[in-house]
Amino acid sequence: MSANSSEPVPRAWQAFRTIPDLAGVDRQHLIWLAEHVRWQVLTAGDVLEQPFKGGRINFLVTGAIEVRCTNPQGKELLLGDLPQGQLFGNAIYSHVPPLAFSAHVTQSGLMAVLDGQDTQDWLALDRSIVLAILQTVSNLLWRLMGRVVEIGMLNVRNRLHMRLLSLAQRQGVEHNQVLLSPSPTQASLAAYLGASREEVAREMSRLVRLGLLLRQGRSLRLCNVDGLMALVEL
């Protein structure tokens, strides 16, 4: 379909304009994409089936997802968050990654999935699409490198501080405070930090005693973001 076609234009293509890495992709190629994806409603608590299946690209239009890796003994490591507007999948390789990755929906939303040969056909339409995928891979790589640096160079205490500060910035800091609602669980924080729940609980209690955190029901208030930042030892 050409950009000036008289045929009706599917409105669904406009949803892809909310994805930053697709900003440089032509309108006609987004229309093609909208005609070939299947839409999937995401509900918080769901675990996605084979999200990294070979030849698949997932477009997280709305919602949020956590990616986890589980070792043979059952220990989980939370690799990171995929926020609204993120692309992810395994578009280049046809095999399933050897590690046990899983994707858990943390915020309900909507995802578009492009499978199999359609993925290769879409990538072949224009170089701007390939550049968009490369931008996505580059962004994810730098985020993972940041995680490696944190785990390798910071102790559990400082990794927790950095995680709380990251959540605060994402939520939006006002007057040096932010309310995280609902509060991240100690279990999810431990999985993200590669630590035990007991280590997280001890440091959270210490931050409460220091007046930097305040538990408010199922929410958590960071009372002094600058004070928490000052504790980080890089």
Foldseek 3Di string as FASTA:
>chain_A
DDPPDPDDQDPVLVLLCQQVLCVPPDSVLSSLLSVAWDKDWFDAFDKDDQQAAEQKKKFQSAFKKWKWFADPVGAIATQDMDHHNAMDYHNPDRHRDPTDMIIGTHTTGMMIMHGDPSSVVSCPPDVSSVSSVVVRVVVVVVSSVVLVCCLVPHDLLLSLLVVVLVQDVVQDDDPQKDKAPQADDLVNSCNHNVHDSVVSVVSVVVCVVVVQWDDDPRMIMRPGNPVSVVPRDD
